[in-house]
Amino acid sequence: MPNVVDYEEFSALIKRVERVEIDNDFLKSFICSIKWMSRTEAMELLGVSSSTLHRMTKRGKLDYLKEGENIRYSVQSIFDYLLAKKIDPQDAKGAIFRSLNNTRKQQNS
């Protein structure tokens, strides 16, 4: 016999889903607006050293942009790299968001 919830529980569940959808839309727009990340952010996200990140860059595994002395890495190319490593897309998106969020928090402190 299926478990049936009453109207109040169902209404509360609908409100929770609506809040999650709003949060999801906000996070999606936030992440999509950030197209490049710093070398430090990329190393932290990928869990690699500076030399490993350099090798990955030289092998063409990540798209990058050089701004003077600074190198910026494409968030999309890092996401694609993670997917190629068979990481779940939701886990990859979460890791990118956490990495960007942590770095930005540290910069604002």
PDB file of N, CA and C in Angstrom:
ATOM      1  N   MET A   1       0.839  -1.166   0.000  1.00  0.00           N
ATOM      2  CA  MET A   1       0.000   0.000   0.000  1.00  0.00           C
ATOM      3  C   MET A   1       0.897   1.248   0.000  1.00  0.00           C
ATOM      4  N   PRO A   2       0.661   2.188  -0.914  1.00  0.00           N
ATOM      5  CA  PRO A   2       1.500   3.380  -0.993  1.00  0.00           C
ATOM      6  C   PRO A   2       1.304   4.291   0.208  1.00  0.00           C
ATOM      7  N   ASN A   3       2.370   4.984   0.543  1.00  0.00           N
ATOM      8  CA  ASN A   3       2.327   5.946   1.638  1.00  0.00           C
ATOM      9  C   ASN A   3       1.734   7.252   1.109  1.00  0.00           C
ATOM     10  N   VAL A   4       0.657   7.701   1.664  1.00  0.00           N
ATOM     11  CA  VAL A   4      -0.027   8.909   1.218  1.00  0.00           C
ATOM     12  C   VAL A   4       0.179   9.998   2.259  1.00  0.00           C
ATOM     13  N   VAL A   5       0.613  11.178   1.776  1.00  0.00           N
ATOM     14  CA  VAL A   5       0.809  12.304   2.688  1.00  0.00           C
ATOM     15  C   VAL A   5      -0.423  13.196   2.657  1.00  0.00           C
ATOM     16  N   ASP A   6      -0.625  13.903   3.735  1.00  0.00           N
ATOM     17  CA  ASP A   6      -1.790  14.799   3.762  1.00  0.00           C
ATOM     18  C   ASP A   6      -1.470  16.102   3.010  1.00  0.00           C
ATOM     19  N   TYR A   7      -2.468  16.927   2.865  1.00  0.00           N
ATOM     20  CA  TYR A   7      -2.358  18.152   2.077  1.00  0.00           C
ATOM     21  C   TYR A   7      -1.281  19.097   2.618  1.00  0.00           C
ATOM     22  N   GLU A   8      -1.191  19.233   3.934  1.00  0.00           N
ATOM     23  CA  GLU A   8      -0.203  20.135   4.540  1.00  0.00           C
ATOM     24  C   GLU A   8       1.227  19.670   4.259  1.00  0.00           C
ATOM     25  N   GLU A   9       1.462  18.372   4.393  1.00  0.00           N
ATOM     26  CA  GLU A   9       2.793  17.837   4.100  1.00  0.00           C
ATOM     27  C   GLU A   9       3.141  18.034   2.625  1.00  0.00           C
ATOM     28  N   PHE A  10       2.160  17.799   1.764  1.00  0.00           N
ATOM     29  CA  PHE A  10       2.367  17.958   0.333  1.00  0.00           C
ATOM     30  C   PHE A  10       2.667  19.419  -0.007  1.00  0.00           C
ATOM     31  N   SER A  11       1.945  20.341   0.577  1.00  0.00           N
ATOM     32  CA  SER A  11       2.172  21.772   0.342  1.00  0.00           C
ATOM     33  C   SER A  11       3.568  22.190   0.817  1.00  0.00           C
ATOM     34  N   ALA A  12       3.956  21.691   1.971  1.00  0.00           N
ATOM     35  CA  ALA A  12       5.290  22.005   2.495  1.00  0.00           C
ATOM     36  C   ALA A  12       6.371  21.449   1.563  1.00  0.00           C
ATOM     37  N   LEU A  13       6.151  20.271   1.040  1.00  0.00           N
ATOM     38  CA  LEU A  13       7.106  19.665   0.111  1.00  0.00           C
ATOM     39  C   LEU A  13       7.208  20.487  -1.175  1.00  0.00           C
ATOM     40  N   ILE A  14       6.097  20.952  -1.683  1.00  0.00           N
ATOM     41  CA  ILE A  14       6.105  21.783  -2.888  1.00  0.00           C
ATOM     42  C   ILE A  14       6.893  23.065  -2.640  1.00  0.00           C
ATOM     43  N   LYS A  15       6.710  23.679  -1.473  1.00  0.00           N
ATOM     44  CA  LYS A  15       7.445  24.901  -1.152  1.00  0.00           C
ATOM     45  C   LYS A  15       8.947  24.638  -1.071  1.00  0.00           C
ATOM     46  N   ARG A  16       9.320  23.501  -0.495  1.00  0.00           N
ATOM     47  CA  ARG A  16      10.738  23.146  -0.421  1.00  0.00           C
ATOM     48  C   ARG A  16      11.327  22.966  -1.809  1.00  0.00           C
ATOM     49  N   VAL A  17      10.603  22.292  -2.685  1.00  0.00           N
ATOM     50  CA  VAL A  17      11.079  22.079  -4.057  1.00  0.00           C
ATOM     51  C   VAL A  17      11.218  23.415  -4.777  1.00  0.00           C
ATOM     52  N   GLU A  18      10.268  24.306  -4.585  1.00  0.00           N
ATOM     53  CA  GLU A  18      10.341  25.631  -5.216  1.00  0.00           C
ATOM     54  C   GLU A  18      11.564  26.407  -4.725  1.00  0.00           C
ATOM     55  N   ARG A  19      11.867  26.319  -3.422  1.00  0.00           N
ATOM     56  CA  ARG A  19      13.053  26.997  -2.881  1.00  0.00           C
ATOM     57  C   ARG A  19      14.336  26.408  -3.466  1.00  0.00           C
ATOM     58  N   VAL A  20      14.370  25.090  -3.583  1.00  0.00           N
ATOM     59  CA  VAL A  20      15.543  24.435  -4.160  1.00  0.00           C
ATOM     60  C   VAL A  20      15.713  24.852  -5.621  1.00  0.00           C
ATOM     61  N   GLU A  21      14.631  24.951  -6.364  1.00  0.00           N
ATOM     62  CA  GLU A  21      14.715  25.390  -7.759  1.00  0.00           C
ATOM     63  C   GLU A  21      15.245  26.818  -7.855  1.00  0.00           C
ATOM     64  N   ILE A  22      14.813  27.692  -6.974  1.00  0.00           N
ATOM     65  CA  ILE A  22      15.299  29.074  -6.971  1.00  0.00           C
ATOM     66  C   ILE A  22      16.789  29.105  -6.646  1.00  0.00           C
ATOM     67  N   ASP A  23      17.190  28.348  -5.623  1.00  0.00           N
ATOM     68  CA  ASP A  23      18.608  28.269  -5.264  1.00  0.00           C
ATOM     69  C   ASP A  23      19.428  27.723  -6.432  1.00  0.00           C
ATOM     70  N   ASN A  24      18.911  26.693  -7.063  1.00  0.00           N
ATOM     71  CA  ASN A  24      19.600  26.077  -8.189  1.00  0.00           C
ATOM     72  C   ASN A  24      19.767  27.064  -9.342  1.00  0.00           C
ATOM     73  N   ASP A  25      18.717  27.809  -9.657  1.00  0.00           N
ATOM     74  CA  ASP A  25      18.801  28.804 -10.726  1.00  0.00           C
ATOM     75  C   ASP A  25      19.838  29.875 -10.401  1.00  0.00           C
ATOM     76  N   PHE A  26      19.865  30.315  -9.132  1.00  0.00           N
ATOM     77  CA  PHE A  26      20.839  31.328  -8.726  1.00  0.00           C
ATOM     78  C   PHE A  26      22.260  30.777  -8.873  1.00  0.00           C
ATOM     79  N   LEU A  27      22.496  29.578  -8.355  1.00  0.00           N
ATOM     80  CA  LEU A  27      23.835  28.997  -8.423  1.00  0.00           C
ATOM     81  C   LEU A  27      24.266  28.769  -9.863  1.00  0.00           C
ATOM     82  N   LYS A  28      23.336  28.325 -10.686  1.00  0.00           N
ATOM     83  CA  LYS A  28      23.634  28.102 -12.095  1.00  0.00           C
ATOM     84  C   LYS A  28      24.065  29.415 -12.762  1.00  0.00           C
ATOM     85  N   SER A  29      23.329  30.483 -12.504  1.00  0.00           N
ATOM     86  CA  SER A  29      23.681  31.769 -13.116  1.00  0.00           C
ATOM     87  C   SER A  29      24.999  32.286 -12.555  1.00  0.00           C
ATOM     88  N   PHE A  30      25.258  32.042 -11.268  1.00  0.00           N
ATOM     89  CA  PHE A  30      26.514  32.460 -10.654  1.00  0.00           C
ATOM     90  C   PHE A  30      27.696  31.752 -11.298  1.00  0.00           C
ATOM     91  N   ILE A  31      27.587  30.448 -11.420  1.00  0.00           N
ATOM     92  CA  ILE A  31      28.684  29.668 -11.990  1.00  0.00           C
ATOM     93  C   ILE A  31      28.884  30.006 -13.464  1.00  0.00           C
ATOM     94  N   CYS A  32      27.803  30.166 -14.197  1.00  0.00           N
ATOM     95  CA  CYS A  32      27.920  30.467 -15.625  1.00  0.00           C
ATOM     96  C   CYS A  32      28.519  31.848 -15.864  1.00  0.00           C
ATOM     97  N   SER A  33      28.375  32.759 -14.913  1.00  0.00           N
ATOM     98  CA  SER A  33      28.932  34.096 -15.092  1.00  0.00           C
ATOM     99  C   SER A  33      30.442  34.107 -14.869  1.00  0.00           C
ATOM    100  N   ILE A  34      30.955  33.103 -14.204  1.00  0.00           N
ATOM    101  CA  ILE A  34      32.391  33.010 -13.950  1.00  0.00           C
ATOM    102  C   ILE A  34      32.970  32.061 -14.995  1.00  0.00           C
ATOM    103  N   LYS A  35      33.689  32.616 -15.924  1.00  0.00           N
ATOM    104  CA  LYS A  35      34.213  31.806 -17.017  1.00  0.00           C
ATOM    105  C   LYS A  35      35.667  31.400 -16.831  1.00  0.00           C
ATOM    106  N   TRP A  36      36.377  32.108 -15.954  1.00  0.00           N
ATOM    107  CA  TRP A  36      37.797  31.848 -15.756  1.00  0.00           C
ATOM    108  C   TRP A  36      38.107  31.761 -14.263  1.00  0.00           C
ATOM    109  N   MET A  37      39.076  30.937 -13.926  1.00  0.00           N
ATOM    110  CA  MET A  37      39.519  30.832 -12.539  1.00  0.00           C
ATOM    111  C   MET A  37      41.036  30.943 -12.488  1.00  0.00           C
ATOM    112  N   SER A  38      41.506  31.333 -11.332  1.00  0.00           N
ATOM    113  CA  SER A  38      42.945  31.532 -11.156  1.00  0.00           C
ATOM    114  C   SER A  38      43.677  30.190 -11.106  1.00  0.00           C
ATOM    115  N   ARG A  39      44.985  30.295 -11.196  1.00  0.00           N
ATOM    116  CA  ARG A  39      45.839  29.108 -11.110  1.00  0.00           C
ATOM    117  C   ARG A  39      45.650  28.424  -9.749  1.00  0.00           C
ATOM    118  N   THR A  40      45.585  29.204  -8.689  1.00  0.00           N
ATOM    119  CA  THR A  40      45.403  28.660  -7.341  1.00  0.00           C
ATOM    120  C   THR A  40      44.066  27.928  -7.236  1.00  0.00           C
ATOM    121  N   GLU A  41      43.012  28.533  -7.768  1.00  0.00           N
ATOM    122  CA  GLU A  41      41.690  27.902  -7.738  1.00  0.00           C
ATOM    123  C   GLU A  41      41.695  26.584  -8.520  1.00  0.00           C
ATOM    124  N   ALA A  42      42.346  26.596  -9.683  1.00  0.00           N
ATOM    125  CA  ALA A  42      42.402  25.383 -10.507  1.00  0.00           C
ATOM    126  C   ALA A  42      43.178  24.273  -9.791  1.00  0.00           C
ATOM    127  N   MET A  43      44.301  24.623  -9.175  1.00  0.00           N
ATOM    128  CA  MET A  43      45.089  23.613  -8.453  1.00  0.00           C
ATOM    129  C   MET A  43      44.287  23.018  -7.306  1.00  0.00           C
ATOM    130  N   GLU A  44      43.619  23.883  -6.548  1.00  0.00           N
ATOM    131  CA  GLU A  44      42.811  23.415  -5.416  1.00  0.00           C
ATOM    132  C   GLU A  44      41.678  22.509  -5.888  1.00  0.00           C
ATOM    133  N   LEU A  45      40.991  22.946  -6.925  1.00  0.00           N
ATOM    134  CA  LEU A  45      39.853  22.185  -7.432  1.00  0.00           C
ATOM    135  C   LEU A  45      40.273  20.815  -7.936  1.00  0.00           C
ATOM    136  N   LEU A  46      41.347  20.773  -8.707  1.00  0.00           N
ATOM    137  CA  LEU A  46      41.789  19.514  -9.299  1.00  0.00           C
ATOM    138  C   LEU A  46      42.630  18.681  -8.334  1.00  0.00           C
ATOM    139  N   GLY A  47      43.052  19.295  -7.240  1.00  0.00           N
ATOM    140  CA  GLY A  47      43.872  18.567  -6.270  1.00  0.00           C
ATOM    141  C   GLY A  47      45.243  18.216  -6.819  1.00  0.00           C
ATOM    142  N   VAL A  48      45.823  19.157  -7.577  1.00  0.00           N
ATOM    143  CA  VAL A  48      47.122  18.909  -8.194  1.00  0.00           C
ATOM    144  C   VAL A  48      48.108  19.993  -7.783  1.00  0.00           C
ATOM    145  N   SER A  49      49.391  19.697  -7.992  1.00  0.00           N
ATOM    146  CA  SER A  49      50.444  20.668  -7.691  1.00  0.00           C
ATOM    147  C   SER A  49      50.594  21.640  -8.856  1.00  0.00           C
ATOM    148  N   SER A  50      51.399  22.640  -8.634  1.00  0.00           N
ATOM    149  CA  SER A  50      51.669  23.637  -9.669  1.00  0.00           C
ATOM    150  C   SER A  50      52.310  22.995 -10.901  1.00  0.00           C
ATOM    151  N   SER A  51      53.249  22.094 -10.679  1.00  0.00           N
ATOM    152  CA  SER A  51      53.922  21.445 -11.818  1.00  0.00           C
ATOM    153  C   SER A  51      52.966  20.529 -12.590  1.00  0.00           C
ATOM    154  N   THR A  52      52.076  19.845 -11.887  1.00  0.00           N
ATOM    155  CA  THR A  52      51.096  18.991 -12.573  1.00  0.00           C
ATOM    156  C   THR A  52      50.131  19.836 -13.397  1.00  0.00           C
ATOM    157  N   LEU A  53      49.689  20.951 -12.829  1.00  0.00           N
ATOM    158  CA  LEU A  53      48.805  21.847 -13.573  1.00  0.00           C
ATOM    159  C   LEU A  53      49.530  22.389 -14.808  1.00  0.00           C
ATOM    160  N   HIS A  54      50.797  22.701 -14.662  1.00  0.00           N
ATOM    161  CA  HIS A  54      51.591  23.181 -15.798  1.00  0.00           C
ATOM    162  C   HIS A  54      51.658  22.120 -16.896  1.00  0.00           C
ATOM    163  N   ARG A  55      51.911  20.862 -16.515  1.00  0.00           N
ATOM    164  CA  ARG A  55      51.956  19.764 -17.496  1.00  0.00           C
ATOM    165  C   ARG A  55      50.612  19.592 -18.193  1.00  0.00           C
ATOM    166  N   MET A  56      49.523  19.666 -17.417  1.00  0.00           N
ATOM    167  CA  MET A  56      48.184  19.529 -18.002  1.00  0.00           C
ATOM    168  C   MET A  56      47.935  20.641 -19.027  1.00  0.00           C
ATOM    169  N   THR A  57      48.408  21.840 -18.688  1.00  0.00           N
ATOM    170  CA  THR A  57      48.238  22.988 -19.580  1.00  0.00           C
ATOM    171  C   THR A  57      49.031  22.776 -20.866  1.00  0.00           C
ATOM    172  N   LYS A  58      50.274  22.365 -20.725  1.00  0.00           N
ATOM    173  CA  LYS A  58      51.140  22.155 -21.896  1.00  0.00           C
ATOM    174  C   LYS A  58      50.621  21.029 -22.797  1.00  0.00           C
ATOM    175  N   ARG A  59      49.957  20.041 -22.210  1.00  0.00           N
ATOM    176  CA  ARG A  59      49.411  18.917 -22.992  1.00  0.00           C
ATOM    177  C   ARG A  59      48.058  19.258 -23.627  1.00  0.00           C
ATOM    178  N   GLY A  60      47.571  20.472 -23.370  1.00  0.00           N
ATOM    179  CA  GLY A  60      46.323  20.911 -23.984  1.00  0.00           C
ATOM    180  C   GLY A  60      45.071  20.351 -23.328  1.00  0.00           C
ATOM    181  N   LYS A  61      45.182  19.907 -22.097  1.00  0.00           N
ATOM    182  CA  LYS A  61      44.023  19.345 -21.401  1.00  0.00           C
ATOM    183  C   LYS A  61      43.096  20.420 -20.857  1.00  0.00           C
ATOM    184  N   LEU A  62      43.621  21.642 -20.670  1.00  0.00           N
ATOM    185  CA  LEU A  62      42.834  22.755 -20.130  1.00  0.00           C
ATOM    186  C   LEU A  62      43.024  23.998 -20.989  1.00  0.00           C
ATOM    187  N   ASP A  63      41.939  24.690 -21.227  1.00  0.00           N
ATOM    188  CA  ASP A  63      42.024  25.973 -21.930  1.00  0.00           C
ATOM    189  C   ASP A  63      42.458  27.033 -20.930  1.00  0.00           C
ATOM    190  N   TYR A  64      43.309  27.927 -21.374  1.00  0.00           N
ATOM    191  CA  TYR A  64      43.794  28.978 -20.487  1.00  0.00           C
ATOM    192  C   TYR A  64      43.924  30.289 -21.237  1.00  0.00           C
ATOM    193  N   LEU A  65      44.064  31.329 -20.458  1.00  0.00           N
ATOM    194  CA  LEU A  65      44.219  32.685 -20.969  1.00  0.00           C
ATOM    195  C   LEU A  65      45.337  33.321 -20.170  1.00  0.00           C
ATOM    196  N   LYS A  66      46.308  33.878 -20.871  1.00  0.00           N
ATOM    197  CA  LYS A  66      47.424  34.522 -20.181  1.00  0.00           C
ATOM    198  C   LYS A  66      47.178  36.023 -20.161  1.00  0.00           C
ATOM    199  N   GLU A  67      47.163  36.580 -18.951  1.00  0.00           N
ATOM    200  CA  GLU A  67      46.988  38.018 -18.745  1.00  0.00           C
ATOM    201  C   GLU A  67      48.248  38.547 -18.071  1.00  0.00           C
ATOM    202  N   GLY A  68      49.186  39.009 -18.858  1.00  0.00           N
ATOM    203  CA  GLY A  68      50.465  39.432 -18.292  1.00  0.00           C
ATOM    204  C   GLY A  68      51.185  38.234 -17.710  1.00  0.00           C
ATOM    205  N   GLU A  69      51.457  38.304 -16.424  1.00  0.00           N
ATOM    206  CA  GLU A  69      52.113  37.185 -15.730  1.00  0.00           C
ATOM    207  C   GLU A  69      51.117  36.155 -15.215  1.00  0.00           C
ATOM    208  N   ASN A  70      49.841  36.500 -15.201  1.00  0.00           N
ATOM    209  CA  ASN A  70      48.810  35.622 -14.638  1.00  0.00           C
ATOM    210  C   ASN A  70      48.217  34.705 -15.695  1.00  0.00           C
ATOM    211  N   ILE A  71      47.950  33.491 -15.287  1.00  0.00           N
ATOM    212  CA  ILE A  71      47.268  32.532 -16.156  1.00  0.00           C
ATOM    213  C   ILE A  71      45.908  32.253 -15.541  1.00  0.00           C
ATOM    214  N   ARG A  72      44.873  32.312 -16.349  1.00  0.00           N
ATOM    215  CA  ARG A  72      43.503  32.017 -15.923  1.00  0.00           C
ATOM    216  C   ARG A  72      43.056  30.771 -16.688  1.00  0.00           C
ATOM    217  N   TYR A  73      42.327  29.896 -16.011  1.00  0.00           N
ATOM    218  CA  TYR A  73      41.861  28.644 -16.613  1.00  0.00           C
ATOM    219  C   TYR A  73      40.360  28.686 -16.846  1.00  0.00           C
ATOM    220  N   SER A  74      39.951  28.152 -17.971  1.00  0.00           N
ATOM    221  CA  SER A  74      38.539  28.106 -18.331  1.00  0.00           C
ATOM    222  C   SER A  74      37.801  27.156 -17.395  1.00  0.00           C
ATOM    223  N   VAL A  75      36.755  27.662 -16.758  1.00  0.00           N
ATOM    224  CA  VAL A  75      35.939  26.823 -15.868  1.00  0.00           C
ATOM    225  C   VAL A  75      35.318  25.678 -16.677  1.00  0.00           C
ATOM    226  N   GLN A  76      34.876  25.975 -17.897  1.00  0.00           N
ATOM    227  CA  GLN A  76      34.257  24.939 -18.731  1.00  0.00           C
ATOM    228  C   GLN A  76      35.246  23.828 -19.076  1.00  0.00           C
ATOM    229  N   SER A  77      36.501  24.188 -19.370  1.00  0.00           N
ATOM    230  CA  SER A  77      37.479  23.150 -19.704  1.00  0.00           C
ATOM    231  C   SER A  77      37.811  22.292 -18.479  1.00  0.00           C
ATOM    232  N   ILE A  78      37.806  22.900 -17.310  1.00  0.00           N
ATOM    233  CA  ILE A  78      38.038  22.126 -16.084  1.00  0.00           C
ATOM    234  C   ILE A  78      36.854  21.195 -15.842  1.00  0.00           C
ATOM    235  N   PHE A  79      35.649  21.694 -16.055  1.00  0.00           N
ATOM    236  CA  PHE A  79      34.454  20.861 -15.918  1.00  0.00           C
ATOM    237  C   PHE A  79      34.516  19.692 -16.904  1.00  0.00           C
ATOM    238  N   ASP A  80      34.872  19.971 -18.150  1.00  0.00           N
ATOM    239  CA  ASP A  80      34.982  18.916 -19.162  1.00  0.00           C
ATOM    240  C   ASP A  80      36.054  17.895 -18.786  1.00  0.00           C
ATOM    241  N   TYR A  81      37.158  18.372 -18.232  1.00  0.00           N
ATOM    242  CA  TYR A  81      38.226  17.473 -17.793  1.00  0.00           C
ATOM    243  C   TYR A  81      37.718  16.533 -16.702  1.00  0.00           C
ATOM    244  N   LEU A  82      36.992  17.094 -15.737  1.00  0.00           N
ATOM    245  CA  LEU A  82      36.446  16.267 -14.651  1.00  0.00           C
ATOM    246  C   LEU A  82      35.467  15.228 -15.194  1.00  0.00           C
ATOM    247  N   LEU A  83      34.636  15.639 -16.148  1.00  0.00           N
ATOM    248  CA  LEU A  83      33.693  14.682 -16.743  1.00  0.00           C
ATOM    249  C   LEU A  83      34.428  13.561 -17.475  1.00  0.00           C
ATOM    250  N   ALA A  84      35.514  13.910 -18.162  1.00  0.00           N
ATOM    251  CA  ALA A  84      36.310  12.902 -18.869  1.00  0.00           C
ATOM    252  C   ALA A  84      36.932  11.901 -17.903  1.00  0.00           C
ATOM    253  N   LYS A  85      37.131  12.349 -16.660  1.00  0.00           N
ATOM    254  CA  LYS A  85      37.674  11.458 -15.620  1.00  0.00           C
ATOM    255  C   LYS A  85      36.570  10.637 -14.951  1.00  0.00           C
ATOM    256  N   LYS A  86      35.382  10.696 -15.541  1.00  0.00           N
ATOM    257  CA  LYS A  86      34.219   9.913 -15.072  1.00  0.00           C
ATOM    258  C   LYS A  86      33.682  10.377 -13.727  1.00  0.00           C
ATOM    259  N   ILE A  87      33.854  11.663 -13.444  1.00  0.00           N
ATOM    260  CA  ILE A  87      33.283  12.235 -12.222  1.00  0.00           C
ATOM    261  C   ILE A  87      31.849  12.621 -12.514  1.00  0.00           C
ATOM    262  N   ASP A  88      30.946  12.329 -11.598  1.00  0.00           N
ATOM    263  CA  ASP A  88      29.538  12.654 -11.762  1.00  0.00           C
ATOM    264  C   ASP A  88      29.383  14.149 -12.033  1.00  0.00           C
ATOM    265  N   PRO A  89      28.570  14.526 -13.030  1.00  0.00           N
ATOM    266  CA  PRO A  89      28.403  15.947 -13.352  1.00  0.00           C
ATOM    267  C   PRO A  89      27.975  16.806 -12.168  1.00  0.00           C
ATOM    268  N   GLN A  90      27.093  16.304 -11.327  1.00  0.00           N
ATOM    269  CA  GLN A  90      26.660  17.076 -10.161  1.00  0.00           C
ATOM    270  C   GLN A  90      27.810  17.265  -9.178  1.00  0.00           C
ATOM    271  N   ASP A  91      28.623  16.228  -9.000  1.00  0.00           N
ATOM    272  CA  ASP A  91      29.785  16.337  -8.119  1.00  0.00           C
ATOM    273  C   ASP A  91      30.795  17.340  -8.675  1.00  0.00           C
ATOM    274  N   ALA A  92      30.988  17.317  -9.988  1.00  0.00           N
ATOM    275  CA  ALA A  92      31.923  18.248 -10.632  1.00  0.00           C
ATOM    276  C   ALA A  92      31.449  19.683 -10.467  1.00  0.00           C
ATOM    277  N   LYS A  93      30.157  19.920 -10.697  1.00  0.00           N
ATOM    278  CA  LYS A  93      29.609  21.270 -10.532  1.00  0.00           C
ATOM    279  C   LYS A  93      29.751  21.737  -9.088  1.00  0.00           C
ATOM    280  N   GLY A  94      29.457  20.846  -8.146  1.00  0.00           N
ATOM    281  CA  GLY A  94      29.581  21.186  -6.734  1.00  0.00           C
ATOM    282  C   GLY A  94      31.013  21.515  -6.353  1.00  0.00           C
ATOM    283  N   ALA A  95      31.960  20.747  -6.884  1.00  0.00           N
ATOM    284  CA  ALA A  95      33.373  20.985  -6.588  1.00  0.00           C
ATOM    285  C   ALA A  95      33.816  22.330  -7.138  1.00  0.00           C
ATOM    286  N   ILE A  96      33.370  22.666  -8.338  1.00  0.00           N
ATOM    287  CA  ILE A  96      33.712  23.959  -8.933  1.00  0.00           C
ATOM    288  C   ILE A  96      33.137  25.084  -8.086  1.00  0.00           C
ATOM    289  N   PHE A  97      31.893  24.955  -7.727  1.00  0.00           N
ATOM    290  CA  PHE A  97      31.263  26.008  -6.925  1.00  0.00           C
ATOM    291  C   PHE A  97      31.970  26.173  -5.585  1.00  0.00           C
ATOM    292  N   ARG A  98      32.247  25.068  -4.896  1.00  0.00           N
ATOM    293  CA  ARG A  98      32.920  25.155  -3.599  1.00  0.00           C
ATOM    294  C   ARG A  98      34.300  25.793  -3.723  1.00  0.00           C
ATOM    295  N   SER A  99      35.034  25.415  -4.753  1.00  0.00           N
ATOM    296  CA  SER A  99      36.368  25.968  -4.949  1.00  0.00           C
ATOM    297  C   SER A  99      36.316  27.468  -5.182  1.00  0.00           C
ATOM    298  N   LEU A 100      35.429  27.896  -6.061  1.00  0.00           N
ATOM    299  CA  LEU A 100      35.299  29.326  -6.339  1.00  0.00           C
ATOM    300  C   LEU A 100      34.811  30.075  -5.105  1.00  0.00           C
ATOM    301  N   ASN A 101      33.868  29.498  -4.405  1.00  0.00           N
ATOM    302  CA  ASN A 101      33.311  30.138  -3.218  1.00  0.00           C
ATOM    303  C   ASN A 101      34.360  30.265  -2.114  1.00  0.00           C
ATOM    304  N   ASN A 102      35.134  29.201  -1.882  1.00  0.00           N
ATOM    305  CA  ASN A 102      36.165  29.229  -0.842  1.00  0.00           C
ATOM    306  C   ASN A 102      37.229  30.275  -1.144  1.00  0.00           C
ATOM    307  N   THR A 103      37.679  30.327  -2.378  1.00  0.00           N
ATOM    308  CA  THR A 103      38.715  31.273  -2.744  1.00  0.00           C
ATOM    309  C   THR A 103      38.216  32.694  -2.614  1.00  0.00           C
ATOM    310  N   ARG A 104      37.010  32.941  -3.037  1.00  0.00           N
ATOM    311  CA  ARG A 104      36.448  34.288  -2.967  1.00  0.00           C
ATOM    312  C   ARG A 104      36.237  34.712  -1.508  1.00  0.00           C
ATOM    313  N   LYS A 105      35.856  33.766  -0.646  1.00  0.00           N
ATOM    314  CA  LYS A 105      35.711  34.067   0.784  1.00  0.00           C
ATOM    315  C   LYS A 105      37.049  34.472   1.383  1.00  0.00           C
ATOM    316  N   GLN A 106      38.101  33.734   1.016  1.00  0.00           N
ATOM    317  CA  GLN A 106      39.445  34.036   1.531  1.00  0.00           C
ATOM    318  C   GLN A 106      39.909  35.410   1.053  1.00  0.00           C
ATOM    319  N   GLN A 107      39.583  35.761  -0.183  1.00  0.00           N
ATOM    320  CA  GLN A 107      39.988  37.057  -0.717  1.00  0.00           C
ATOM    321  C   GLN A 107      39.264  38.203  -0.004  1.00  0.00           C
ATOM    322  N   ASN A 108      38.029  37.964   0.416  1.00  0.00           N
ATOM    323  CA  ASN A 108      37.246  39.002   1.074  1.00  0.00           C
ATOM    324  C   ASN A 108      37.567  39.145   2.557  1.00  0.00           C
ATOM    325  N   SER A 109      38.313  38.188   3.110  1.00  0.00           N
ATOM    326  CA  SER A 109      38.645  38.234   4.547  1.00  0.00           C
ATOM    327  C   SER A 109      39.770  39.191   4.833  1.00  0.00           C
TER     328      SER A 109
END
